[in-house]
Amino acid sequence: LGCDVVIDRRSEDVIAAVKEATGGR
């Protein structure tokens, strides 16, 4: 669909992955 970053909530820590993708912002 065009997502720049995809996070699988079943196998990844969503909070940590979002912070990594956004430089903590």
mmCIF file of all heavy atoms, coordinates in Angstrom:
data_MODEL
# 
_entry.id   MODEL 
# 
loop_
_atom_site.group_PDB 
_atom_site.id 
_atom_site.type_symbol 
_atom_site.label_atom_id 
_atom_site.label_alt_id 
_atom_site.label_comp_id 
_atom_site.label_asym_id 
_atom_site.label_entity_id 
_atom_site.label_seq_id 
_atom_site.pdbx_PDB_ins_code 
_atom_site.Cartn_x 
_atom_site.Cartn_y 
_atom_site.Cartn_z 
_atom_site.occupancy 
_atom_site.B_iso_or_equiv 
_atom_site.pdbx_formal_charge 
_atom_site.auth_seq_id 
_atom_site.auth_comp_id 
_atom_site.auth_asym_id 
_atom_site.auth_atom_id 
_atom_site.pdbx_PDB_model_num 
ATOM 1   N N   . LEU A 1 1  ? 0.817  -1.213  0.000  1.00 0.00 ? 1  LEU A N   1 
ATOM 2   C CA  . LEU A 1 1  ? 0.000  0.000   0.000  1.00 0.00 ? 1  LEU A CA  1 
ATOM 3   C C   . LEU A 1 1  ? 0.848  1.260   0.000  1.00 0.00 ? 1  LEU A C   1 
ATOM 4   O O   . LEU A 1 1  ? 0.362  2.344   -0.330 1.00 0.00 ? 1  LEU A O   1 
ATOM 5   C CB  . LEU A 1 1  ? -0.919 0.018   1.226  1.00 0.00 ? 1  LEU A CB  1 
ATOM 6   C CG  . LEU A 1 1  ? -2.150 -0.886  1.177  1.00 0.00 ? 1  LEU A CG  1 
ATOM 7   C CD1 . LEU A 1 1  ? -2.761 -1.010  2.571  1.00 0.00 ? 1  LEU A CD1 1 
ATOM 8   C CD2 . LEU A 1 1  ? -3.185 -0.338  0.199  1.00 0.00 ? 1  LEU A CD2 1 
ATOM 9   N N   . GLY A 1 2  ? 2.115  1.124   0.393  1.00 0.00 ? 2  GLY A N   1 
ATOM 10  C CA  . GLY A 1 2  ? 3.004  2.277   0.381  1.00 0.00 ? 2  GLY A CA  1 
ATOM 11  C C   . GLY A 1 2  ? 3.547  2.695   1.723  1.00 0.00 ? 2  GLY A C   1 
ATOM 12  O O   . GLY A 1 2  ? 4.205  3.740   1.829  1.00 0.00 ? 2  GLY A O   1 
ATOM 13  N N   . CYS A 1 3  ? 3.298  1.929   2.793  1.00 0.00 ? 3  CYS A N   1 
ATOM 14  C CA  . CYS A 1 3  ? 3.837  2.292   4.099  1.00 0.00 ? 3  CYS A CA  1 
ATOM 15  C C   . CYS A 1 3  ? 5.366  2.360   4.041  1.00 0.00 ? 3  CYS A C   1 
ATOM 16  O O   . CYS A 1 3  ? 6.021  1.462   3.505  1.00 0.00 ? 3  CYS A O   1 
ATOM 17  C CB  . CYS A 1 3  ? 3.431  1.263   5.154  1.00 0.00 ? 3  CYS A CB  1 
ATOM 18  S SG  . CYS A 1 3  ? 1.695  1.350   5.652  1.00 0.00 ? 3  CYS A SG  1 
ATOM 19  N N   . ASP A 1 4  ? 5.930  3.403   4.586  1.00 0.00 ? 4  ASP A N   1 
ATOM 20  C CA  . ASP A 1 4  ? 7.382  3.549   4.630  1.00 0.00 ? 4  ASP A CA  1 
ATOM 21  C C   . ASP A 1 4  ? 7.991  2.614   5.660  1.00 0.00 ? 4  ASP A C   1 
ATOM 22  O O   . ASP A 1 4  ? 9.114  2.132   5.500  1.00 0.00 ? 4  ASP A O   1 
ATOM 23  C CB  . ASP A 1 4  ? 7.739  4.996   4.968  1.00 0.00 ? 4  ASP A CB  1 
ATOM 24  C CG  . ASP A 1 4  ? 7.218  5.973   3.930  1.00 0.00 ? 4  ASP A CG  1 
ATOM 25  O OD1 . ASP A 1 4  ? 7.828  6.081   2.853  1.00 0.00 ? 4  ASP A OD1 1 
ATOM 26  O OD2 . ASP A 1 4  ? 6.177  6.617   4.182  1.00 0.00 ? 4  ASP A OD2 1 
ATOM 27  N N   . VAL A 1 5  ? 7.255  2.381   6.743  1.00 0.00 ? 5  VAL A N   1 
ATOM 28  C CA  . VAL A 1 5  ? 7.682  1.462   7.791  1.00 0.00 ? 5  VAL A CA  1 
ATOM 29  C C   . VAL A 1 5  ? 6.485  0.594   8.155  1.00 0.00 ? 5  VAL A C   1 
ATOM 30  O O   . VAL A 1 5  ? 5.373  1.111   8.314  1.00 0.00 ? 5  VAL A O   1 
ATOM 31  C CB  . VAL A 1 5  ? 8.174  2.217   9.041  1.00 0.00 ? 5  VAL A CB  1 
ATOM 32  C CG1 . VAL A 1 5  ? 8.550  1.243   10.152 1.00 0.00 ? 5  VAL A CG1 1 
ATOM 33  C CG2 . VAL A 1 5  ? 9.342  3.135   8.706  1.00 0.00 ? 5  VAL A CG2 1 
ATOM 34  N N   . VAL A 1 6  ? 6.684  -0.710  8.272  1.00 0.00 ? 6  VAL A N   1 
ATOM 35  C CA  . VAL A 1 6  ? 5.613  -1.621  8.677  1.00 0.00 ? 6  VAL A CA  1 
ATOM 36  C C   . VAL A 1 6  ? 6.026  -2.319  9.965  1.00 0.00 ? 6  VAL A C   1 
ATOM 37  O O   . VAL A 1 6  ? 7.132  -2.853  10.062 1.00 0.00 ? 6  VAL A O   1 
ATOM 38  C CB  . VAL A 1 6  ? 5.314  -2.675  7.580  1.00 0.00 ? 6  VAL A CB  1 
ATOM 39  C CG1 . VAL A 1 6  ? 4.210  -3.622  8.053  1.00 0.00 ? 6  VAL A CG1 1 
ATOM 40  C CG2 . VAL A 1 6  ? 4.913  -2.000  6.276  1.00 0.00 ? 6  VAL A CG2 1 
ATOM 41  N N   . ILE A 1 7  ? 5.143  -2.310  10.951 1.00 0.00 ? 7  ILE A N   1 
ATOM 42  C CA  . ILE A 1 7  ? 5.408  -2.936  12.246 1.00 0.00 ? 7  ILE A CA  1 
ATOM 43  C C   . ILE A 1 7  ? 4.369  -4.026  12.484 1.00 0.00 ? 7  ILE A C   1 
ATOM 44  O O   . ILE A 1 7  ? 3.164  -3.756  12.454 1.00 0.00 ? 7  ILE A O   1 
ATOM 45  C CB  . ILE A 1 7  ? 5.338  -1.895  13.382 1.00 0.00 ? 7  ILE A CB  1 
ATOM 46  C CG1 . ILE A 1 7  ? 6.358  -0.776  13.154 1.00 0.00 ? 7  ILE A CG1 1 
ATOM 47  C CG2 . ILE A 1 7  ? 5.573  -2.563  14.738 1.00 0.00 ? 7  ILE A CG2 1 
ATOM 48  C CD1 . ILE A 1 7  ? 6.195  0.396   14.097 1.00 0.00 ? 7  ILE A CD1 1 
ATOM 49  N N   . ASP A 1 8  ? 4.827  -5.243  12.700 1.00 0.00 ? 8  ASP A N   1 
ATOM 50  C CA  . ASP A 1 8  ? 3.942  -6.370  13.019 1.00 0.00 ? 8  ASP A CA  1 
ATOM 51  C C   . ASP A 1 8  ? 3.797  -6.433  14.543 1.00 0.00 ? 8  ASP A C   1 
ATOM 52  O O   . ASP A 1 8  ? 4.736  -6.815  15.245 1.00 0.00 ? 8  ASP A O   1 
ATOM 53  C CB  . ASP A 1 8  ? 4.522  -7.670  12.475 1.00 0.00 ? 8  ASP A CB  1 
ATOM 54  C CG  . ASP A 1 8  ? 3.598  -8.868  12.670 1.00 0.00 ? 8  ASP A CG  1 
ATOM 55  O OD1 . ASP A 1 8  ? 2.609  -8.745  13.429 1.00 0.00 ? 8  ASP A OD1 1 
ATOM 56  O OD2 . ASP A 1 8  ? 3.862  -9.927  12.071 1.00 0.00 ? 8  ASP A OD2 1 
ATOM 57  N N   . ARG A 1 9  ? 2.635  -6.060  15.033 1.00 0.00 ? 9  ARG A N   1 
ATOM 58  C CA  . ARG A 1 9  ? 2.429  -5.999  16.483 1.00 0.00 ? 9  ARG A CA  1 
ATOM 59  C C   . ARG A 1 9  ? 2.502  -7.377  17.137 1.00 0.00 ? 9  ARG A C   1 
ATOM 60  O O   . ARG A 1 9  ? 2.685  -7.475  18.373 1.00 0.00 ? 9  ARG A O   1 
ATOM 61  C CB  . ARG A 1 9  ? 1.076  -5.362  16.792 1.00 0.00 ? 9  ARG A CB  1 
ATOM 62  C CG  . ARG A 1 9  ? -0.116 -6.086  16.187 1.00 0.00 ? 9  ARG A CG  1 
ATOM 63  C CD  . ARG A 1 9  ? -1.439 -5.422  16.560 1.00 0.00 ? 9  ARG A CD  1 
ATOM 64  N NE  . ARG A 1 9  ? -2.560 -5.994  15.837 1.00 0.00 ? 9  ARG A NE  1 
ATOM 65  C CZ  . ARG A 1 9  ? -3.164 -7.127  16.161 1.00 0.00 ? 9  ARG A CZ  1 
ATOM 66  N NH1 . ARG A 1 9  ? -2.741 -7.816  17.211 1.00 0.00 ? 9  ARG A NH1 1 
ATOM 67  N NH2 . ARG A 1 9  ? -4.192 -7.576  15.439 1.00 0.00 ? 9  ARG A NH2 1 
ATOM 68  N N   . ARG A 1 10 ? 2.383  -8.440  16.351 1.00 0.00 ? 10 ARG A N   1 
ATOM 69  C CA  . ARG A 1 10 ? 2.429  -9.787  16.916 1.00 0.00 ? 10 ARG A CA  1 
ATOM 70  C C   . ARG A 1 10 ? 3.856  -10.254 17.194 1.00 0.00 ? 10 ARG A C   1 
ATOM 71  O O   . ARG A 1 10 ? 4.063  -11.153 18.018 1.00 0.00 ? 10 ARG A O   1 
ATOM 72  C CB  . ARG A 1 10 ? 1.734  -10.780 15.979 1.00 0.00 ? 10 ARG A CB  1 
ATOM 73  C CG  . ARG A 1 10 ? 0.241  -10.539 15.844 1.00 0.00 ? 10 ARG A CG  1 
ATOM 74  C CD  . ARG A 1 10 ? -0.400 -11.565 14.931 1.00 0.00 ? 10 ARG A CD  1 
ATOM 75  N NE  . ARG A 1 10 ? -1.836 -11.323 14.788 1.00 0.00 ? 10 ARG A NE  1 
ATOM 76  C CZ  . ARG A 1 10 ? -2.622 -12.016 13.955 1.00 0.00 ? 10 ARG A CZ  1 
ATOM 77  N NH1 . ARG A 1 10 ? -2.106 -12.987 13.214 1.00 0.00 ? 10 ARG A NH1 1 
ATOM 78  N NH2 . ARG A 1 10 ? -3.915 -11.735 13.876 1.00 0.00 ? 10 ARG A NH2 1 
ATOM 79  N N   . SER A 1 11 ? 4.818  -9.688  16.480 1.00 0.00 ? 11 SER A N   1 
ATOM 80  C CA  . SER A 1 11 ? 6.204  -10.143 16.646 1.00 0.00 ? 11 SER A CA  1 
ATOM 81  C C   . SER A 1 11 ? 7.161  -9.020  17.022 1.00 0.00 ? 11 SER A C   1 
ATOM 82  O O   . SER A 1 11 ? 8.343  -9.280  17.262 1.00 0.00 ? 11 SER A O   1 
ATOM 83  C CB  . SER A 1 11 ? 6.692  -10.803 15.348 1.00 0.00 ? 11 SER A CB  1 
ATOM 84  O OG  . SER A 1 11 ? 6.634  -9.881  14.254 1.00 0.00 ? 11 SER A OG  1 
ATOM 85  N N   . GLU A 1 12 ? 6.686  -7.761  17.079 1.00 0.00 ? 12 GLU A N   1 
ATOM 86  C CA  . GLU A 1 12 ? 7.550  -6.636  17.389 1.00 0.00 ? 12 GLU A CA  1 
ATOM 87  C C   . GLU A 1 12 ? 6.974  -5.806  18.532 1.00 0.00 ? 12 GLU A C   1 
ATOM 88  O O   . GLU A 1 12 ? 5.765  -5.805  18.772 1.00 0.00 ? 12 GLU A O   1 
ATOM 89  C CB  . GLU A 1 12 ? 7.721  -5.729  16.160 1.00 0.00 ? 12 GLU A CB  1 
ATOM 90  C CG  . GLU A 1 12 ? 8.334  -6.403  14.941 1.00 0.00 ? 12 GLU A CG  1 
ATOM 91  C CD  . GLU A 1 12 ? 8.419  -5.458  13.759 1.00 0.00 ? 12 GLU A CD  1 
ATOM 92  O OE1 . GLU A 1 12 ? 9.282  -4.553  13.792 1.00 0.00 ? 12 GLU A OE1 1 
ATOM 93  O OE2 . GLU A 1 12 ? 7.618  -5.607  12.814 1.00 0.00 ? 12 GLU A OE2 1 
ATOM 94  N N   . ASP A 1 13 ? 7.853  -5.097  19.198 1.00 0.00 ? 13 ASP A N   1 
ATOM 95  C CA  . ASP A 1 13 ? 7.455  -4.138  20.231 1.00 0.00 ? 13 ASP A CA  1 
ATOM 96  C C   . ASP A 1 13 ? 7.073  -2.853  19.502 1.00 0.00 ? 13 ASP A C   1 
ATOM 97  O O   . ASP A 1 13 ? 7.947  -2.143  18.987 1.00 0.00 ? 13 ASP A O   1 
ATOM 98  C CB  . ASP A 1 13 ? 8.620  -3.899  21.189 1.00 0.00 ? 13 ASP A CB  1 
ATOM 99  C CG  . ASP A 1 13 ? 8.269  -2.952  22.328 1.00 0.00 ? 13 ASP A CG  1 
ATOM 100 O OD1 . ASP A 1 13 ? 7.475  -2.006  22.102 1.00 0.00 ? 13 ASP A OD1 1 
ATOM 101 O OD2 . ASP A 1 13 ? 8.804  -3.128  23.429 1.00 0.00 ? 13 ASP A OD2 1 
ATOM 102 N N   . VAL A 1 14 ? 5.779  -2.558  19.438 1.00 0.00 ? 14 VAL A N   1 
ATOM 103 C CA  . VAL A 1 14 ? 5.306  -1.419  18.653 1.00 0.00 ? 14 VAL A CA  1 
ATOM 104 C C   . VAL A 1 14 ? 5.917  -0.114  19.152 1.00 0.00 ? 14 VAL A C   1 
ATOM 105 O O   . VAL A 1 14 ? 6.383  0.715   18.349 1.00 0.00 ? 14 VAL A O   1 
ATOM 106 C CB  . VAL A 1 14 ? 3.762  -1.341  18.687 1.00 0.00 ? 14 VAL A CB  1 
ATOM 107 C CG1 . VAL A 1 14 ? 3.283  -0.050  18.003 1.00 0.00 ? 14 VAL A CG1 1 
ATOM 108 C CG2 . VAL A 1 14 ? 3.148  -2.556  18.009 1.00 0.00 ? 14 VAL A CG2 1 
ATOM 109 N N   . ILE A 1 15 ? 5.929  0.091   20.445 1.00 0.00 ? 15 ILE A N   1 
ATOM 110 C CA  . ILE A 1 15 ? 6.424  1.352   21.006 1.00 0.00 ? 15 ILE A CA  1 
ATOM 111 C C   . ILE A 1 15 ? 7.896  1.553   20.656 1.00 0.00 ? 15 ILE A C   1 
ATOM 112 O O   . ILE A 1 15 ? 8.310  2.626   20.184 1.00 0.00 ? 15 ILE A O   1 
ATOM 113 C CB  . ILE A 1 15 ? 6.202  1.381   22.524 1.00 0.00 ? 15 ILE A CB  1 
ATOM 114 C CG1 . ILE A 1 15 ? 4.697  1.337   22.821 1.00 0.00 ? 15 ILE A CG1 1 
ATOM 115 C CG2 . ILE A 1 15 ? 6.839  2.622   23.148 1.00 0.00 ? 15 ILE A CG2 1 
ATOM 116 C CD1 . ILE A 1 15 ? 4.365  1.099   24.277 1.00 0.00 ? 15 ILE A CD1 1 
ATOM 117 N N   . ALA A 1 16 ? 8.699  0.518   20.851 1.00 0.00 ? 16 ALA A N   1 
ATOM 118 C CA  . ALA A 1 16 ? 10.124 0.622   20.551 1.00 0.00 ? 16 ALA A CA  1 
ATOM 119 C C   . ALA A 1 16 ? 10.363 0.825   19.062 1.00 0.00 ? 16 ALA A C   1 
ATOM 120 O O   . ALA A 1 16 ? 11.234 1.613   18.659 1.00 0.00 ? 16 ALA A O   1 
ATOM 121 C CB  . ALA A 1 16 ? 10.850 -0.634  21.029 1.00 0.00 ? 16 ALA A CB  1 
ATOM 122 N N   . ALA A 1 17 ? 9.577  0.130   18.226 1.00 0.00 ? 17 ALA A N   1 
ATOM 123 C CA  . ALA A 1 17 ? 9.763  0.239   16.776 1.00 0.00 ? 17 ALA A CA  1 
ATOM 124 C C   . ALA A 1 17 ? 9.403  1.628   16.264 1.00 0.00 ? 17 ALA A C   1 
ATOM 125 O O   . ALA A 1 17 ? 10.066 2.168   15.379 1.00 0.00 ? 17 ALA A O   1 
ATOM 126 C CB  . ALA A 1 17 ? 8.926  -0.828  16.074 1.00 0.00 ? 17 ALA A CB  1 
ATOM 127 N N   . VAL A 1 18 ? 8.336  2.218   16.820 1.00 0.00 ? 18 VAL A N   1 
ATOM 128 C CA  . VAL A 1 18 ? 7.950  3.573   16.403 1.00 0.00 ? 18 VAL A CA  1 
ATOM 129 C C   . VAL A 1 18 ? 9.017  4.578   16.812 1.00 0.00 ? 18 VAL A C   1 
ATOM 130 O O   . VAL A 1 18 ? 9.398  5.470   16.037 1.00 0.00 ? 18 VAL A O   1 
ATOM 131 C CB  . VAL A 1 18 ? 6.581  3.963   16.993 1.00 0.00 ? 18 VAL A CB  1 
ATOM 132 C CG1 . VAL A 1 18 ? 6.278  5.437   16.707 1.00 0.00 ? 18 VAL A CG1 1 
ATOM 133 C CG2 . VAL A 1 18 ? 5.484  3.087   16.427 1.00 0.00 ? 18 VAL A CG2 1 
ATOM 134 N N   . LYS A 1 19 ? 9.531  4.450   18.028 1.00 0.00 ? 19 LYS A N   1 
ATOM 135 C CA  . LYS A 1 19 ? 10.564 5.374   18.494 1.00 0.00 ? 19 LYS A CA  1 
ATOM 136 C C   . LYS A 1 19 ? 11.832 5.249   17.645 1.00 0.00 ? 19 LYS A C   1 
ATOM 137 O O   . LYS A 1 19 ? 12.486 6.253   17.320 1.00 0.00 ? 19 LYS A O   1 
ATOM 138 C CB  . LYS A 1 19 ? 10.864 5.122   19.963 1.00 0.00 ? 19 LYS A CB  1 
ATOM 139 C CG  . LYS A 1 19 ? 9.715  5.550   20.881 1.00 0.00 ? 19 LYS A CG  1 
ATOM 140 C CD  . LYS A 1 19 ? 10.044 5.367   22.346 1.00 0.00 ? 19 LYS A CD  1 
ATOM 141 C CE  . LYS A 1 19 ? 8.905  5.891   23.220 1.00 0.00 ? 19 LYS A CE  1 
ATOM 142 N NZ  . LYS A 1 19 ? 9.179  5.714   24.670 1.00 0.00 ? 19 LYS A NZ  1 
ATOM 143 N N   . GLU A 1 20 ? 12.165 4.022   17.257 1.00 0.00 ? 20 GLU A N   1 
ATOM 144 C CA  . GLU A 1 20 ? 13.337 3.823   16.403 1.00 0.00 ? 20 GLU A CA  1 
ATOM 145 C C   . GLU A 1 20 ? 13.124 4.455   15.030 1.00 0.00 ? 20 GLU A C   1 
ATOM 146 O O   . GLU A 1 20 ? 14.024 5.099   14.478 1.00 0.00 ? 20 GLU A O   1 
ATOM 147 C CB  . GLU A 1 20 ? 13.630 2.328   16.253 1.00 0.00 ? 20 GLU A CB  1 
ATOM 148 C CG  . GLU A 1 20 ? 14.844 2.042   15.376 1.00 0.00 ? 20 GLU A CG  1 
ATOM 149 C CD  . GLU A 1 20 ? 15.105 0.551   15.220 1.00 0.00 ? 20 GLU A CD  1 
ATOM 150 O OE1 . GLU A 1 20 ? 14.398 -0.250  15.849 1.00 0.00 ? 20 GLU A OE1 1 
ATOM 151 O OE2 . GLU A 1 20 ? 16.026 0.201   14.443 1.00 0.00 ? 20 GLU A OE2 1 
ATOM 152 N N   . ALA A 1 21 ? 11.914 4.278   14.481 1.00 0.00 ? 21 ALA A N   1 
ATOM 153 C CA  . ALA A 1 21 ? 11.623 4.802   13.142 1.00 0.00 ? 21 ALA A CA  1 
ATOM 154 C C   . ALA A 1 21 ? 11.560 6.319   13.095 1.00 0.00 ? 21 ALA A C   1 
ATOM 155 O O   . ALA A 1 21 ? 11.705 6.926   12.034 1.00 0.00 ? 21 ALA A O   1 
ATOM 156 C CB  . ALA A 1 21 ? 10.305 4.211   12.627 1.00 0.00 ? 21 ALA A CB  1 
ATOM 157 N N   . THR A 1 22 ? 11.306 6.937   14.245 1.00 0.00 ? 22 THR A N   1 
ATOM 158 C CA  . THR A 1 22 ? 11.153 8.398   14.294 1.00 0.00 ? 22 THR A CA  1 
ATOM 159 C C   . THR A 1 22 ? 12.287 9.090   15.042 1.00 0.00 ? 22 THR A C   1 
ATOM 160 O O   . THR A 1 22 ? 12.182 10.277  15.363 1.00 0.00 ? 22 THR A O   1 
ATOM 161 C CB  . THR A 1 22 ? 9.815  8.778   14.957 1.00 0.00 ? 22 THR A CB  1 
ATOM 162 O OG1 . THR A 1 22 ? 9.794  8.267   16.299 1.00 0.00 ? 22 THR A OG1 1 
ATOM 163 C CG2 . THR A 1 22 ? 8.636  8.218   14.172 1.00 0.00 ? 22 THR A CG2 1 
ATOM 164 N N   . GLY A 1 23 ? 13.359 8.366   15.322 1.00 0.00 ? 23 GLY A N   1 
ATOM 165 C CA  . GLY A 1 23 ? 14.470 8.957   16.047 1.00 0.00 ? 23 GLY A CA  1 
ATOM 166 C C   . GLY A 1 23 ? 14.094 9.372   17.458 1.00 0.00 ? 23 GLY A C   1 
ATOM 167 O O   . GLY A 1 23 ? 14.646 10.335  18.003 1.00 0.00 ? 23 GLY A O   1 
ATOM 168 N N   . GLY A 1 24 ? 13.121 8.675   18.040 1.00 0.00 ? 24 GLY A N   1 
ATOM 169 C CA  . GLY A 1 24 ? 12.687 8.958   19.400 1.00 0.00 ? 24 GLY A CA  1 
ATOM 170 C C   . GLY A 1 24 ? 11.627 10.038  19.511 1.00 0.00 ? 24 GLY A C   1 
ATOM 171 O O   . GLY A 1 24 ? 11.090 10.281  20.593 1.00 0.00 ? 24 GLY A O   1 
ATOM 172 N N   . ARG A 1 25 ? 11.292 10.683  18.390 1.00 0.00 ? 25 ARG A N   1 
ATOM 173 C CA  . ARG A 1 25 ? 10.358 11.813  18.429 1.00 0.00 ? 25 ARG A CA  1 
ATOM 174 C C   . ARG A 1 25 ? 8.901  11.367  18.549 1.00 0.00 ? 25 ARG A C   1 
ATOM 175 O O   . ARG A 1 25 ? 8.093  12.009  19.210 1.00 0.00 ? 25 ARG A O   1 
ATOM 176 C CB  . ARG A 1 25 ? 10.535 12.668  17.170 1.00 0.00 ? 25 ARG A CB  1 
ATOM 177 C CG  . ARG A 1 25 ? 9.658  13.907  17.145 1.00 0.00 ? 25 ARG A CG  1 
ATOM 178 C CD  . ARG A 1 25 ? 9.969  14.788  15.936 1.00 0.00 ? 25 ARG A CD  1 
ATOM 179 N NE  . ARG A 1 25 ? 9.135  15.975  15.950 1.00 0.00 ? 25 ARG A NE  1 
ATOM 180 C CZ  . ARG A 1 25 ? 7.891  16.029  15.500 1.00 0.00 ? 25 ARG A CZ  1 
ATOM 181 N NH1 . ARG A 1 25 ? 7.344  14.932  14.972 1.00 0.00 ? 25 ARG A NH1 1 
ATOM 182 N NH2 . ARG A 1 25 ? 7.192  17.139  15.551 1.00 0.00 ? 25 ARG A NH2 1 
# 
